[in-house]
Amino acid sequence: MIATDKLIIGVAPLGSFMGKDMNPNIPIQPEEIAEEAYRAWNEGASIVHIHARDKNGIATSDPEVFREISQRIRGRNVI
């Protein structure tokens, strides 16, 4: 890689299947996901792929959960 090349770093802090039973460090609640996105941004990531979970840790497509995650990420001035 040449020093002038641009690099886009994307992260996916969690998937749609794994849960805390498989790895207790996986962020599944909105605050945890926002914190992980913020950490990744501080390390140079420019894209975060988000999966959402409900209060019980089950994968969801509920727009309210995604809205909360988005608001928490944007609240850290990460866009």
N, C-alpha and C. Protein backbone atom coordinates (compact mmCIF):
# COMPACT_ATOMS: atom_id res chain seq x y z
N MET A 1 0.84 -1.18 0.00
CA MET A 1 0.00 0.00 0.00
C MET A 1 0.89 1.24 0.00
N ILE A 2 0.56 2.19 -0.84
CA ILE A 2 1.30 3.44 -0.95
C ILE A 2 0.74 4.42 0.09
N ALA A 3 1.59 5.25 0.66
CA ALA A 3 1.19 6.18 1.72
C ALA A 3 0.04 7.10 1.31
N THR A 4 -0.12 7.37 0.03
CA THR A 4 -1.20 8.25 -0.41
C THR A 4 -2.50 7.50 -0.70
N ASP A 5 -2.46 6.18 -0.65
CA ASP A 5 -3.69 5.40 -0.85
C ASP A 5 -4.66 5.65 0.29
N LYS A 6 -5.94 5.64 -0.04
CA LYS A 6 -6.96 5.81 0.99
C LYS A 6 -7.49 4.44 1.38
N LEU A 7 -7.87 4.34 2.62
CA LEU A 7 -8.35 3.07 3.16
C LEU A 7 -9.65 3.31 3.92
N ILE A 8 -10.63 2.52 3.64
CA ILE A 8 -11.89 2.58 4.38
C ILE A 8 -11.95 1.37 5.28
N ILE A 9 -12.09 1.62 6.57
CA ILE A 9 -12.18 0.54 7.55
C ILE A 9 -13.63 0.41 7.99
N GLY A 10 -14.18 -0.76 7.82
CA GLY A 10 -15.54 -1.04 8.26
C GLY A 10 -15.52 -2.07 9.39
N VAL A 11 -16.41 -1.90 10.33
CA VAL A 11 -16.50 -2.85 11.45
C VAL A 11 -17.94 -3.30 11.63
N ALA A 12 -18.08 -4.49 12.16
CA ALA A 12 -19.39 -5.02 12.53
C ALA A 12 -19.23 -5.55 13.96
N PRO A 13 -19.59 -4.74 14.96
CA PRO A 13 -19.34 -5.14 16.34
C PRO A 13 -20.12 -6.37 16.80
N LEU A 14 -21.17 -6.73 16.08
CA LEU A 14 -21.89 -7.95 16.40
C LEU A 14 -22.62 -8.45 15.18
N GLY A 15 -22.93 -9.72 15.19
CA GLY A 15 -23.70 -10.31 14.10
C GLY A 15 -25.13 -10.53 14.55
N SER A 16 -25.89 -11.23 13.73
CA SER A 16 -27.29 -11.44 14.07
C SER A 16 -27.52 -12.74 14.82
N PHE A 17 -26.50 -13.57 14.99
CA PHE A 17 -26.70 -14.87 15.63
C PHE A 17 -26.00 -15.03 16.97
N MET A 18 -24.78 -14.56 17.09
CA MET A 18 -24.04 -14.77 18.34
C MET A 18 -24.62 -13.94 19.47
N GLY A 19 -24.55 -14.49 20.65
CA GLY A 19 -25.04 -13.78 21.82
C GLY A 19 -24.02 -13.80 22.93
N LYS A 20 -24.38 -13.24 24.04
CA LYS A 20 -23.45 -13.17 25.17
C LYS A 20 -23.15 -14.56 25.72
N ASP A 21 -24.01 -15.54 25.43
CA ASP A 21 -23.71 -16.90 25.86
C ASP A 21 -22.49 -17.46 25.12
N MET A 22 -22.26 -16.99 23.89
CA MET A 22 -21.10 -17.42 23.11
C MET A 22 -19.87 -16.58 23.42
N ASN A 23 -20.11 -15.29 23.70
CA ASN A 23 -19.01 -14.39 24.03
C ASN A 23 -19.58 -13.23 24.87
N PRO A 24 -19.27 -13.18 26.15
CA PRO A 24 -19.84 -12.15 27.01
C PRO A 24 -19.42 -10.73 26.65
N ASN A 25 -18.45 -10.59 25.76
CA ASN A 25 -17.96 -9.26 25.37
C ASN A 25 -18.71 -8.67 24.18
N ILE A 26 -19.61 -9.41 23.58
CA ILE A 26 -20.35 -8.91 22.41
C ILE A 26 -21.31 -7.81 22.86
N PRO A 27 -21.26 -6.66 22.19
CA PRO A 27 -22.19 -5.58 22.54
C PRO A 27 -23.56 -5.86 21.91
N ILE A 28 -24.61 -6.00 22.72
CA ILE A 28 -25.92 -6.29 22.15
C ILE A 28 -26.97 -5.24 22.47
N GLN A 29 -26.76 -4.45 23.48
CA GLN A 29 -27.72 -3.40 23.82
C GLN A 29 -27.27 -2.07 23.21
N PRO A 30 -28.20 -1.16 22.95
CA PRO A 30 -27.86 0.09 22.26
C PRO A 30 -26.66 0.84 22.85
N GLU A 31 -26.58 0.96 24.14
CA GLU A 31 -25.45 1.68 24.75
C GLU A 31 -24.14 0.96 24.48
N GLU A 32 -24.14 -0.37 24.55
CA GLU A 32 -22.93 -1.14 24.28
C GLU A 32 -22.51 -1.00 22.82
N ILE A 33 -23.48 -1.05 21.91
CA ILE A 33 -23.18 -0.93 20.48
C ILE A 33 -22.62 0.46 20.18
N ALA A 34 -23.22 1.49 20.76
CA ALA A 34 -22.74 2.86 20.56
C ALA A 34 -21.32 3.01 21.09
N GLU A 35 -21.05 2.45 22.23
CA GLU A 35 -19.69 2.53 22.81
C GLU A 35 -18.68 1.84 21.90
N GLU A 36 -19.06 0.67 21.37
CA GLU A 36 -18.15 -0.06 20.48
C GLU A 36 -17.94 0.69 19.17
N ALA A 37 -18.99 1.31 18.64
CA ALA A 37 -18.86 2.12 17.42
C ALA A 37 -17.93 3.30 17.67
N TYR A 38 -18.07 3.93 18.83
CA TYR A 38 -17.21 5.06 19.19
C TYR A 38 -15.75 4.62 19.31
N ARG A 39 -15.52 3.48 19.92
CA ARG A 39 -14.14 2.96 20.03
C ARG A 39 -13.56 2.70 18.65
N ALA A 40 -14.36 2.07 17.79
CA ALA A 40 -13.88 1.77 16.44
C ALA A 40 -13.58 3.05 15.67
N TRP A 41 -14.45 4.06 15.82
CA TRP A 41 -14.23 5.35 15.15
C TRP A 41 -12.92 5.98 15.63
N ASN A 42 -12.67 5.91 16.93
CA ASN A 42 -11.42 6.45 17.47
C ASN A 42 -10.19 5.73 16.93
N GLU A 43 -10.36 4.50 16.51
CA GLU A 43 -9.25 3.72 15.95
C GLU A 43 -9.16 3.84 14.43
N GLY A 44 -10.07 4.62 13.83
CA GLY A 44 -9.96 4.88 12.40
C GLY A 44 -11.06 4.30 11.53
N ALA A 45 -12.02 3.61 12.10
CA ALA A 45 -13.11 3.05 11.29
C ALA A 45 -13.97 4.17 10.74
N SER A 46 -14.48 3.97 9.53
CA SER A 46 -15.35 4.97 8.93
C SER A 46 -16.75 4.43 8.66
N ILE A 47 -16.93 3.12 8.77
CA ILE A 47 -18.24 2.50 8.56
C ILE A 47 -18.49 1.49 9.68
N VAL A 48 -19.71 1.54 10.22
CA VAL A 48 -20.10 0.55 11.22
C VAL A 48 -21.37 -0.13 10.72
N HIS A 49 -21.30 -1.44 10.61
CA HIS A 49 -22.46 -2.24 10.20
C HIS A 49 -23.19 -2.68 11.48
N ILE A 50 -24.47 -2.34 11.58
CA ILE A 50 -25.20 -2.55 12.82
C ILE A 50 -26.25 -3.65 12.69
N HIS A 51 -26.28 -4.53 13.67
CA HIS A 51 -27.39 -5.45 13.90
C HIS A 51 -28.01 -5.02 15.22
N ALA A 52 -29.32 -5.10 15.32
CA ALA A 52 -29.99 -4.66 16.55
C ALA A 52 -30.55 -5.86 17.30
N ARG A 53 -30.64 -5.70 18.60
CA ARG A 53 -31.21 -6.73 19.48
C ARG A 53 -32.27 -6.08 20.36
N ASP A 54 -33.25 -6.88 20.74
CA ASP A 54 -34.26 -6.38 21.68
C ASP A 54 -33.71 -6.47 23.10
N LYS A 55 -34.52 -6.12 24.08
CA LYS A 55 -34.07 -6.12 25.48
C LYS A 55 -33.66 -7.51 25.97
N ASN A 56 -34.15 -8.57 25.29
CA ASN A 56 -33.80 -9.94 25.65
C ASN A 56 -32.61 -10.48 24.87
N GLY A 57 -32.04 -9.65 24.00
CA GLY A 57 -30.88 -10.06 23.23
C GLY A 57 -31.22 -10.79 21.94
N ILE A 58 -32.48 -10.78 21.54
CA ILE A 58 -32.92 -11.45 20.32
C ILE A 58 -32.82 -10.46 19.14
N ALA A 59 -32.31 -10.94 18.00
CA ALA A 59 -32.19 -10.09 16.81
C ALA A 59 -33.55 -9.48 16.47
N THR A 60 -33.54 -8.19 16.13
CA THR A 60 -34.78 -7.48 15.80
C THR A 60 -34.54 -6.51 14.66
N SER A 61 -35.61 -6.21 13.94
CA SER A 61 -35.55 -5.16 12.91
C SER A 61 -36.43 -3.98 13.32
N ASP A 62 -36.73 -3.89 14.61
CA ASP A 62 -37.57 -2.82 15.15
C ASP A 62 -36.90 -1.47 14.90
N PRO A 63 -37.57 -0.58 14.14
CA PRO A 63 -36.96 0.72 13.85
C PRO A 63 -36.67 1.54 15.10
N GLU A 64 -37.41 1.34 16.16
CA GLU A 64 -37.16 2.09 17.40
C GLU A 64 -35.82 1.70 18.01
N VAL A 65 -35.47 0.44 17.93
CA VAL A 65 -34.17 -0.01 18.46
C VAL A 65 -33.05 0.57 17.62
N PHE A 66 -33.21 0.52 16.29
CA PHE A 66 -32.19 1.11 15.42
C PHE A 66 -32.08 2.62 15.65
N ARG A 67 -33.21 3.27 15.87
CA ARG A 67 -33.21 4.71 16.14
C ARG A 67 -32.42 5.01 17.42
N GLU A 68 -32.65 4.21 18.45
CA GLU A 68 -31.92 4.43 19.70
C GLU A 68 -30.42 4.24 19.51
N ILE A 69 -30.04 3.20 18.79
CA ILE A 69 -28.61 2.97 18.52
C ILE A 69 -28.03 4.16 17.76
N SER A 70 -28.73 4.59 16.72
CA SER A 70 -28.26 5.72 15.91
C SER A 70 -28.12 6.98 16.75
N GLN A 71 -29.10 7.27 17.58
CA GLN A 71 -29.05 8.48 18.41
C GLN A 71 -27.89 8.41 19.39
N ARG A 72 -27.65 7.24 19.93
CA ARG A 72 -26.54 7.11 20.89
C ARG A 72 -25.19 7.27 20.19
N ILE A 73 -25.07 6.74 18.98
CA ILE A 73 -23.81 6.91 18.22
C ILE A 73 -23.63 8.38 17.86
N ARG A 74 -24.67 9.00 17.33
CA ARG A 74 -24.59 10.41 16.94
C ARG A 74 -24.38 11.32 18.15
N GLY A 75 -24.85 10.88 19.30
CA GLY A 75 -24.65 11.65 20.53
C GLY A 75 -23.18 11.73 20.93
N ARG A 76 -22.38 10.86 20.37
CA ARG A 76 -20.92 10.88 20.61
C ARG A 76 -20.21 11.60 19.48
N ASN A 77 -21.00 12.31 18.66
CA ASN A 77 -20.46 13.06 17.52
C ASN A 77 -19.79 12.17 16.48
N VAL A 78 -20.27 10.95 16.37
CA VAL A 78 -19.81 10.02 15.34
C VAL A 78 -20.94 9.92 14.32
N ILE A 79 -20.67 10.24 13.07
CA ILE A 79 -21.70 10.17 12.04
C ILE A 79 -21.23 9.25 10.93
